[in-house]
């Protein structure tokens, strides 16, 4: 049987995707311009509250949009049961060209009704001090050995922005997503692995293939194992996604091409990987660029396993479920000053190693936390979530058109049959004159 992920009510979101106007990557940007980040068309506006008692509820499976000012603290509310793991991610999207600093931070905390922290995550720009999307998440993990944040109750999500005085004061836009993961039918292992394969795999075979990156999680194209070529402009951020199943291990590296001219840009290329709940798993050391080709790679990550979530290291516990893993690659806008605005070549090498293992015994549908046959097809073709929604809309429109045509043909057939019966009933018999009654009605009945 093919594994299929329930898509829910796709049509409204797909229609919105067709109507949305998305900024195209590769354009020139002035300082302070909005980012070309492509938000999910289904994202609903929400207003974070200053105090928790005024917080609006985030519903599981929902995506939301808000913004946050320097020093801002925004509360949202979630209602959790006692069986599911819960995740709330926030992606900050500062305007392009605005000033950010090393310590500028986005922080997401999940709190109980007493203000105790269940979990928190942070994202910083660190040494690559240029504006680009950054994100993190907070989660509630069901753990039989824990006594905090395990009960069914109302919880609060606190999103904070900490900024240096030298940073720009413009608000950062926020994309917020709330997901739940079903619990297990029976208790599983709770000991995180201590060792895993760390040797760099052989380079992918088959030669490089072309694939254009997206501008967000939503528009990220699917990739499978292999070498992929793209172009990236100074100041640009590109997203890609890779399906990684249970028991599989992801290796990823990025190469930046050489350029004509001379110059030097510290912290030119930044790469990070996010898990299916949009939690930051790991990032590479930022690459300095002097016009010669450069390469950077993620440290070896553990194979995807349920028990990874019980490790204290973010890079380990982030590899806690199967699904789409997202790569974000950003090029410092300072490269334009030294080497011009022409896009540079970008090459991604991906290896997905290991045999697929059985999924844990979830007590409900896995949702986003699985790799389906549709996902594998999307990785093969390069389809993004936005393209999948558009494709679904086209199929819906085509089906509606065929259905409407069928109804029309059947209706005309019925009309012709009725008209002929009426004409036959009103025709003069032998030796009689023509019918002097009401004239025959031509055309479809008025109800049509």
Protein backbone atom coordinates (compact mmCIF):
# COMPACT_ATOMS: atom_id res chain seq x y z
CA UNK A 1 0.00 0.00 0.00
CA UNK A 2 1.27 3.45 -0.83
CA UNK A 3 1.84 5.79 2.06
CA UNK A 4 -0.23 8.91 1.67
CA UNK A 5 -0.30 11.95 3.92
CA UNK A 6 -3.69 13.42 4.63
CA UNK A 7 -3.76 16.80 2.90
CA UNK A 8 -6.93 18.10 4.55
CA UNK A 9 -8.83 20.90 2.85
CA UNK A 10 -6.28 21.81 0.19
CA UNK A 11 -8.53 23.70 -2.21
CA UNK A 12 -8.92 27.03 -0.33
CA UNK A 13 -5.18 27.28 0.39
CA UNK A 14 -4.40 26.30 -3.19
CA UNK A 15 -6.70 28.96 -4.59
CA UNK A 16 -5.03 31.49 -2.31
CA UNK A 17 -1.66 30.34 -3.60
CA UNK A 18 -2.74 31.10 -7.15
CA UNK A 19 -3.88 34.57 -6.17
CA UNK A 20 -0.80 35.40 -4.05
CA UNK A 21 1.87 37.56 -5.63
CA UNK A 22 5.28 36.21 -4.70
CA UNK A 23 8.49 38.19 -5.11
CA UNK A 24 10.87 36.42 -7.43
CA UNK A 25 14.37 35.50 -6.26
CA UNK A 26 17.21 37.13 -8.11
CA UNK A 27 15.85 40.68 -8.08
CA UNK A 28 17.77 43.74 -6.84
CA UNK A 29 16.90 44.94 -3.34
CA UNK A 30 17.33 48.31 -1.69
CA UNK A 31 18.18 48.56 1.99
CA UNK A 32 15.10 48.25 4.13
CA UNK A 33 12.98 46.56 1.45
CA UNK A 34 10.69 43.74 2.57
CA UNK A 35 12.15 40.27 2.17
CA UNK A 36 10.89 38.22 -0.78
CA UNK A 37 10.01 35.51 1.76
CA UNK A 38 6.99 33.58 0.45
CA UNK A 39 4.48 33.11 3.24
CA UNK A 40 2.01 30.28 3.25
CA UNK A 41 -1.21 31.59 1.65
CA UNK A 42 -3.18 29.94 4.46
CA UNK A 43 -1.30 31.94 7.13
CA UNK A 44 -3.76 33.86 9.29
CA UNK A 45 -3.00 37.25 10.84
CA UNK A 46 -2.64 37.11 14.61
CA UNK A 47 -1.79 39.77 17.17
CA UNK A 48 0.55 38.78 19.95
CA UNK A 49 -0.54 40.06 23.35
CA UNK A 50 1.52 42.04 25.84
CA UNK A 51 0.12 39.96 28.73
CA UNK A 52 -0.77 36.28 28.67
CA UNK A 53 -4.43 36.75 29.66
CA UNK A 54 -5.06 38.57 26.36
CA UNK A 55 -3.31 35.94 24.22
CA UNK A 56 -5.00 34.65 21.08
CA UNK A 57 -5.10 30.90 20.52
CA UNK A 58 -2.91 29.16 17.99
CA UNK A 59 -4.64 26.04 16.68
CA UNK A 60 -2.76 22.85 15.87
CA UNK A 61 -1.89 22.65 12.18
CA UNK A 62 -2.25 26.41 11.76
CA UNK A 63 0.20 28.94 10.33
CA UNK A 64 0.08 32.57 11.43
CA UNK A 65 1.62 35.97 10.61
CA UNK A 66 2.59 38.72 13.04
CA UNK A 67 5.46 41.17 13.57
CA UNK A 68 7.69 42.03 16.51
CA UNK A 69 9.56 45.21 17.45
CA UNK A 70 12.95 45.45 19.20
CA UNK A 71 12.53 44.41 22.81
CA UNK A 72 9.10 43.00 21.99
CA UNK A 73 7.45 40.24 24.02
CA UNK A 74 4.39 38.61 22.46
CA UNK A 75 2.12 36.02 24.08
CA UNK A 76 0.01 33.39 22.31
CA UNK A 77 -2.07 30.57 23.76
CA UNK A 78 -2.18 26.86 22.89
CA UNK A 79 -4.42 24.12 24.30
CA UNK A 80 -2.62 20.80 24.66
CA UNK A 81 -3.80 17.32 25.57
CA UNK A 82 -1.86 14.89 27.76
CA UNK A 83 -0.84 12.54 24.95
CA UNK A 84 0.59 14.57 22.05
CA UNK A 85 3.96 16.23 21.58
CA UNK A 86 3.55 19.88 20.60
CA UNK A 87 5.72 22.31 18.64
CA UNK A 88 5.48 26.05 18.04
CA UNK A 89 8.01 27.59 15.66
CA UNK A 90 8.66 31.22 14.81
CA UNK A 91 10.57 32.46 11.78
CA UNK A 92 11.72 36.09 11.88
CA UNK A 93 11.96 37.89 8.54
CA UNK A 94 13.79 41.22 8.88
CA UNK A 95 13.73 43.66 6.00
CA UNK A 96 16.58 43.20 3.56
CA UNK A 97 19.58 45.42 4.07
CA UNK A 98 18.63 46.43 7.61
CA UNK A 99 21.24 46.33 10.34
CA UNK A 100 21.44 43.28 12.59
CA UNK A 101 24.08 42.39 15.14
CA UNK A 102 25.77 39.28 16.46
CA UNK A 103 23.62 39.04 19.58
CA UNK A 104 20.28 39.98 18.00
CA UNK A 105 18.07 37.10 19.04
CA UNK A 106 14.69 35.54 18.45
CA UNK A 107 13.52 33.43 21.39
CA UNK A 108 10.48 31.14 21.62
CA UNK A 109 9.40 29.76 25.02
CA UNK A 110 6.55 27.42 25.92
CA UNK A 111 5.25 28.09 29.44
CA UNK A 112 2.68 26.53 31.74
CA UNK A 113 0.04 28.53 33.64
CA UNK A 114 2.49 29.14 36.50
CA UNK A 115 5.04 30.71 34.17
CA UNK A 116 7.38 27.74 34.28
CA UNK A 117 9.33 27.06 31.09
CA UNK A 118 8.56 23.75 29.41
CA UNK A 119 11.16 24.37 26.73
CA UNK A 120 12.68 27.22 24.74
CA UNK A 121 14.72 27.78 21.59
CA UNK A 122 16.80 30.68 20.31
CA UNK A 123 18.09 31.86 16.94
CA UNK A 124 20.85 34.44 16.46
CA UNK A 125 22.64 36.01 13.50
CA UNK A 126 26.00 35.45 15.19
CA UNK A 127 29.07 36.37 13.14
CA UNK A 128 27.14 36.59 9.86
CA UNK A 129 25.67 39.99 10.68
CA UNK A 130 23.30 40.48 7.75
CA UNK A 131 19.53 40.38 7.54
CA UNK A 132 18.02 37.03 6.56
CA UNK A 133 15.23 34.74 7.82
CA UNK A 134 16.12 33.01 11.09
CA UNK A 135 13.93 30.69 13.11
CA UNK A 136 13.59 28.38 16.08
CA UNK A 137 10.92 26.49 18.04
CA UNK A 138 9.79 25.45 21.51
CA UNK A 139 8.17 22.11 22.26
CA UNK A 140 6.35 20.03 24.85
CA UNK A 141 7.66 16.45 24.77
CA UNK A 142 5.72 13.68 26.46
CA UNK A 143 8.15 11.96 28.82
CA UNK A 144 7.16 9.39 31.44
CA UNK A 145 10.16 10.47 33.53
CA UNK A 146 9.09 14.12 33.59
CA UNK A 147 6.59 15.75 35.95
CA UNK A 148 6.37 19.18 34.32
CA UNK A 149 4.20 20.30 31.39
CA UNK A 150 2.73 16.83 30.89
CA UNK A 151 -0.94 17.42 31.72
CA UNK A 152 -3.77 18.51 29.45
CA UNK A 153 -4.11 22.26 29.96
CA UNK A 154 -3.71 25.72 28.49
CA UNK A 155 -0.10 26.73 27.80
CA UNK A 156 1.43 30.00 26.65
CA UNK A 157 3.92 30.71 23.88
CA UNK A 158 6.20 33.69 24.47
CA UNK A 159 8.07 35.11 21.46
CA UNK A 160 10.79 37.64 22.28
CA UNK A 161 13.13 39.81 20.25
CA UNK A 162 16.34 40.98 21.86
CA UNK A 163 18.26 43.57 19.82
CA UNK A 164 21.44 45.55 20.19
CA UNK A 165 21.17 49.34 20.31
CA UNK A 166 23.09 49.56 17.03
CA UNK A 167 20.58 47.36 15.17
CA UNK A 168 17.77 48.70 13.01
CA UNK A 169 14.53 49.48 14.80
CA UNK A 170 12.17 48.23 12.07
CA UNK A 171 9.81 45.41 13.10
CA UNK A 172 10.61 41.87 12.03
CA UNK A 173 7.81 40.01 10.37
CA UNK A 174 7.00 36.64 11.94
CA UNK A 175 5.69 33.39 10.52
CA UNK A 176 4.43 31.17 13.35
CA UNK A 177 3.45 27.51 13.02
CA UNK A 178 1.88 25.15 15.57
CA UNK A 179 2.08 21.38 15.03
CA UNK A 180 1.26 18.36 17.16
CA UNK A 181 2.79 14.90 16.94
CA UNK A 182 0.74 11.93 18.17
CA UNK A 183 1.95 10.02 21.19
CA UNK A 184 2.92 6.37 21.10
CA UNK A 185 0.57 3.43 21.63
CA UNK A 186 3.17 1.91 23.95
CA UNK A 187 6.20 3.41 25.65
CA UNK A 188 9.30 3.42 23.47
CA UNK A 189 13.03 3.74 24.20
CA UNK A 190 14.17 6.83 26.07
CA UNK A 191 17.95 6.41 25.84
CA UNK A 192 19.42 8.67 23.16
CA UNK A 193 22.16 7.15 20.97
CA UNK A 194 25.74 7.94 21.90
CA UNK A 195 27.47 7.06 18.64
CA UNK A 196 26.60 7.13 14.95
CA UNK A 197 28.47 7.04 11.62
CA UNK A 198 30.47 10.23 11.18
CA UNK A 199 32.70 9.49 8.19
CA UNK A 200 32.01 11.73 5.21
CA UNK A 201 30.25 9.74 2.47
CA UNK A 202 31.48 9.44 -1.08
CA UNK A 203 30.42 12.33 -3.35
CA UNK A 204 27.05 11.73 -5.02
CA UNK A 205 27.27 10.19 -8.47
CA UNK A 206 25.43 11.19 -11.63
CA UNK A 207 26.75 14.72 -12.07
CA UNK A 208 25.14 18.01 -11.01
CA UNK A 209 21.53 18.80 -11.80
CA UNK A 210 19.85 22.20 -11.95
CA UNK A 211 17.25 23.17 -9.35
CA UNK A 212 16.13 26.67 -8.35
CA UNK A 213 15.81 27.33 -4.63
CA UNK A 214 12.73 28.86 -3.03
CA UNK A 215 12.49 31.90 -0.78
CA UNK A 216 10.85 30.20 2.23
CA UNK A 217 9.91 26.91 3.84
CA UNK A 218 6.69 26.95 1.81
CA UNK A 219 8.34 27.53 -1.57
CA UNK A 220 11.38 25.29 -0.99
CA UNK A 221 11.77 22.76 -3.83
CA UNK A 222 12.25 19.10 -3.03
CA UNK A 223 15.70 17.54 -3.44
CA UNK A 224 16.85 13.94 -3.33
CA UNK A 225 20.37 12.60 -2.84
CA UNK A 226 22.71 14.06 -5.43
CA UNK A 227 24.55 17.22 -6.48
CA UNK A 228 22.41 20.27 -7.25
CA UNK A 229 23.38 23.52 -8.97
CA UNK A 230 21.83 26.94 -8.52
CA UNK A 231 22.71 30.66 -8.57
CA UNK A 232 22.61 32.95 -5.57
CA UNK A 233 22.77 36.75 -5.50
CA UNK A 234 24.36 38.85 -2.74
CA UNK A 235 21.76 39.34 -0.03
CA UNK A 236 19.69 36.38 -1.19
CA UNK A 237 18.43 33.48 0.94
CA UNK A 238 17.39 30.21 -0.69
CA UNK A 239 15.50 27.27 0.84
CA UNK A 240 15.48 23.60 -0.18
CA UNK A 241 13.91 20.51 1.41
CA UNK A 242 15.04 16.89 1.63
CA UNK A 243 12.93 13.89 2.75
CA UNK A 244 14.73 11.97 5.51
CA UNK A 245 13.02 8.82 6.79
CA UNK A 246 13.35 6.87 10.04
CA UNK A 247 16.84 5.41 10.35
CA UNK A 248 18.33 7.65 7.66
CA UNK A 249 21.20 10.09 8.08
CA UNK A 250 21.56 13.43 6.28
CA UNK A 251 24.89 14.81 5.05
CA UNK A 252 24.91 18.22 3.33
CA UNK A 253 27.55 20.61 2.03
CA UNK A 254 27.48 23.81 -0.03
CA UNK A 255 30.06 25.15 -2.49
CA UNK A 256 30.26 28.77 -3.64
CA UNK A 257 31.83 29.40 -7.04
CA UNK A 258 34.81 31.60 -7.81
CA UNK A 259 34.37 35.19 -9.01
CA UNK A 260 36.33 37.69 -11.05
CA UNK A 261 38.07 40.47 -9.16
CA UNK A 262 39.70 40.77 -5.78
CA UNK A 263 38.29 41.43 -2.36
CA UNK A 264 37.48 39.85 0.97
CA UNK A 265 34.18 39.30 2.77
CA UNK A 266 34.19 37.60 6.17
CA UNK A 267 31.16 35.47 7.00
CA UNK A 268 29.95 35.49 3.40
CA UNK A 269 28.00 32.23 3.21
CA UNK A 270 25.71 30.88 5.94
CA UNK A 271 23.90 27.52 5.87
CA UNK A 272 21.50 25.95 8.39
CA UNK A 273 19.23 22.90 8.58
CA UNK A 274 15.73 22.81 10.13
CA UNK A 275 13.59 19.81 10.99
CA UNK A 276 9.98 19.14 9.87
CA UNK A 277 8.63 21.26 12.75
CA UNK A 278 10.93 24.11 11.62
CA UNK A 279 13.18 23.73 14.61
CA UNK A 280 16.82 24.73 14.09
CA UNK A 281 18.94 21.57 14.10
CA UNK A 282 22.39 22.87 13.19
CA UNK A 283 24.28 25.47 11.18
CA UNK A 284 27.66 25.54 9.49
CA UNK A 285 30.61 27.76 10.28
CA UNK A 286 30.19 30.93 8.24
CA UNK A 287 32.52 31.00 5.23
CA UNK A 288 34.88 33.86 4.42
CA UNK A 289 35.10 34.67 0.69
CA UNK A 290 38.03 36.07 -1.29
CA UNK A 291 36.86 35.33 -4.83
CA UNK A 292 38.13 31.75 -4.80
CA UNK A 293 35.71 28.83 -4.62
CA UNK A 294 34.73 27.95 -1.05
CA UNK A 295 32.98 25.03 0.63
CA UNK A 296 31.17 24.44 3.93
CA UNK A 297 29.45 21.39 5.39
CA UNK A 298 27.16 20.43 8.25
CA UNK A 299 28.67 18.33 11.00
CA UNK A 300 27.54 14.68 10.79
CA UNK A 301 24.01 14.39 12.18
CA UNK A 302 22.62 11.24 13.82
CA UNK A 303 20.18 8.97 11.97
CA UNK A 304 16.55 9.95 12.49
CA UNK A 305 15.24 8.16 15.61
CA UNK A 306 12.40 8.76 18.04
CA UNK A 307 14.72 8.47 21.05
CA UNK A 308 16.93 11.33 19.78
CA UNK A 309 14.49 13.70 21.49
CA UNK A 310 15.79 12.65 24.89
CA UNK A 311 19.31 13.98 24.20
CA UNK A 312 20.25 17.41 25.56
CA UNK A 313 22.16 18.40 22.39
CA UNK A 314 20.02 20.38 19.94
CA UNK A 315 21.67 18.78 16.91
CA UNK A 316 20.72 15.35 18.21
CA UNK A 317 17.24 15.92 19.61
CA UNK A 318 16.32 17.90 16.51
CA UNK A 319 16.61 14.70 14.46
CA UNK A 320 13.61 13.28 16.29
CA UNK A 321 11.22 12.46 13.48
CA UNK A 322 10.97 11.63 9.79
CA UNK A 323 9.77 14.14 7.22
CA UNK A 324 11.05 17.12 5.26
CA UNK A 325 14.33 18.62 6.48
CA UNK A 326 14.97 22.16 5.23
CA UNK A 327 18.27 23.70 4.14
CA UNK A 328 18.63 27.47 4.25
CA UNK A 329 21.55 29.06 2.37
CA UNK A 330 22.25 32.82 2.56
CA UNK A 331 24.85 35.03 0.83
CA UNK A 332 26.09 38.19 2.54
CA UNK A 333 25.02 41.37 0.63
CA UNK A 334 28.56 42.73 1.24
CA UNK A 335 29.71 40.39 -1.56
CA UNK A 336 28.17 42.82 -4.06
CA UNK A 337 30.49 45.64 -3.01
CA UNK A 338 33.59 43.50 -3.48
CA UNK A 339 32.64 41.32 -6.46
CA UNK A 340 29.61 42.90 -8.10
CA UNK A 341 25.92 42.03 -8.22
CA UNK A 342 26.24 39.12 -10.62
CA UNK A 343 24.89 35.86 -9.11
CA UNK A 344 27.48 33.33 -7.99
CA UNK A 345 27.30 29.62 -8.64
CA UNK A 346 26.00 27.52 -5.75
CA UNK A 347 26.39 23.77 -5.52
CA UNK A 348 24.72 21.53 -2.91
CA UNK A 349 25.88 17.99 -2.25
CA UNK A 350 23.37 15.79 -0.44
CA UNK A 351 23.73 12.26 0.85
CA UNK A 352 20.88 10.42 2.58
CA UNK A 353 22.43 7.28 4.04
CA UNK A 354 20.99 4.28 5.84
CA UNK A 355 18.14 1.85 5.36
CA UNK A 356 14.64 3.01 6.17
CA UNK A 357 13.37 1.69 9.50
CA UNK A 358 9.83 1.20 10.73
CA UNK A 359 8.06 4.23 12.14
CA UNK A 360 7.31 4.28 15.87
CA UNK A 361 3.91 3.03 16.94
CA UNK A 362 2.04 6.31 16.78
CA UNK A 363 -1.42 6.39 18.35
CA UNK A 364 -2.70 8.54 15.48
CA UNK A 365 -1.87 9.83 11.98
CA UNK A 366 1.77 10.88 11.65
CA UNK A 367 0.92 13.98 9.60
CA UNK A 368 4.07 15.95 8.73
CA UNK A 369 6.26 13.50 10.62
CA UNK A 370 6.68 10.84 7.93
CA UNK A 371 8.00 10.41 4.40
CA UNK A 372 5.26 9.49 1.94
CA UNK A 373 5.37 8.34 -1.66
CA UNK A 374 4.18 11.83 -2.63
CA UNK A 375 7.17 13.31 -0.80
CA UNK A 376 9.59 11.04 -2.63
CA UNK A 377 7.99 12.06 -5.94
CA UNK A 378 8.29 15.74 -4.99
CA UNK A 379 11.99 15.24 -4.19
CA UNK A 380 12.44 13.60 -7.59
CA UNK A 381 10.62 16.34 -9.51
CA UNK A 382 11.64 19.31 -7.37
CA UNK A 383 8.07 20.22 -6.49
CA UNK A 384 7.54 22.64 -3.61
CA UNK A 385 4.53 22.90 -1.29
CA UNK A 386 3.34 25.95 -3.23
CA UNK A 387 3.58 24.07 -6.53
CA UNK A 388 1.80 21.07 -5.00
CA UNK A 389 -1.09 23.32 -3.95
CA UNK A 390 -1.26 24.90 -7.40
CA UNK A 391 -1.22 21.43 -8.98
CA UNK A 392 -4.03 20.38 -6.66
CA UNK A 393 -6.01 23.46 -7.65
CA UNK A 394 -5.55 22.74 -11.35
CA UNK A 395 -6.77 19.18 -10.83
CA UNK A 396 -9.76 20.53 -8.91
CA UNK A 397 -10.56 23.06 -11.65
CA UNK A 398 -10.18 20.39 -14.33
CA UNK A 399 -12.43 18.00 -12.43
CA UNK A 400 -14.97 20.76 -11.88
CA UNK A 401 -14.86 21.62 -15.59
CA UNK A 402 -15.38 18.01 -16.61
CA UNK A 403 -18.20 17.65 -14.09
CA UNK A 404 -19.90 20.83 -15.26
CA UNK A 405 -19.58 19.71 -18.89
CA UNK A 406 -21.09 16.35 -18.08
CA UNK A 407 -24.03 17.98 -16.29
CA UNK A 408 -24.54 20.34 -19.23
CA UNK A 409 -24.57 17.52 -21.79
CA UNK A 410 -26.98 15.46 -19.69
CA UNK A 411 -29.21 18.51 -19.20
CA UNK A 412 -29.35 19.21 -22.93
CA UNK A 413 -30.18 15.57 -23.59
CA UNK A 414 -33.07 15.69 -21.15
CA UNK A 415 -34.31 18.95 -22.68
CA UNK A 416 -34.26 17.49 -26.21
CA UNK A 417 -36.14 14.37 -25.04
CA UNK A 418 -38.82 16.47 -23.31
CA UNK A 419 -39.14 18.80 -26.30
CA UNK A 420 -39.63 15.89 -28.67
CA UNK A 421 -42.25 14.30 -26.42
CA UNK A 422 -44.15 17.55 -26.24
CA UNK A 423 -43.93 18.04 -30.00
CA UNK A 424 -45.20 14.50 -30.60
CA UNK A 425 -48.09 14.97 -28.14
CA UNK A 426 -49.19 18.22 -29.82
CA UNK A 427 -48.85 17.12 -33.51
CA UNK A 428 -52.14 16.93 -35.60
CA UNK A 429 -53.49 13.43 -36.26
CA UNK A 430 -54.81 12.30 -39.72
CA UNK A 431 -57.86 14.31 -40.79
CA UNK A 432 -57.40 16.97 -38.03
CA UNK A 433 -56.17 20.53 -38.20
CA UNK A 434 -53.18 21.90 -36.38
CA UNK A 435 -53.26 22.25 -32.55
CA UNK A 436 -54.60 25.63 -31.55
CA UNK A 437 -53.39 25.33 -27.95
CA UNK A 438 -50.28 26.95 -26.26
CA UNK A 439 -47.21 27.21 -28.51
CA UNK A 440 -44.42 24.66 -28.07
CA UNK A 441 -41.67 25.90 -25.66
CA UNK A 442 -38.23 26.03 -27.29
CA UNK A 443 -35.01 26.21 -25.28
CA UNK A 444 -34.18 24.81 -21.85
CA UNK A 445 -36.73 25.13 -19.04
CA UNK A 446 -36.49 28.38 -17.11
CA UNK A 447 -35.12 26.52 -14.07
CA UNK A 448 -31.96 25.75 -16.05
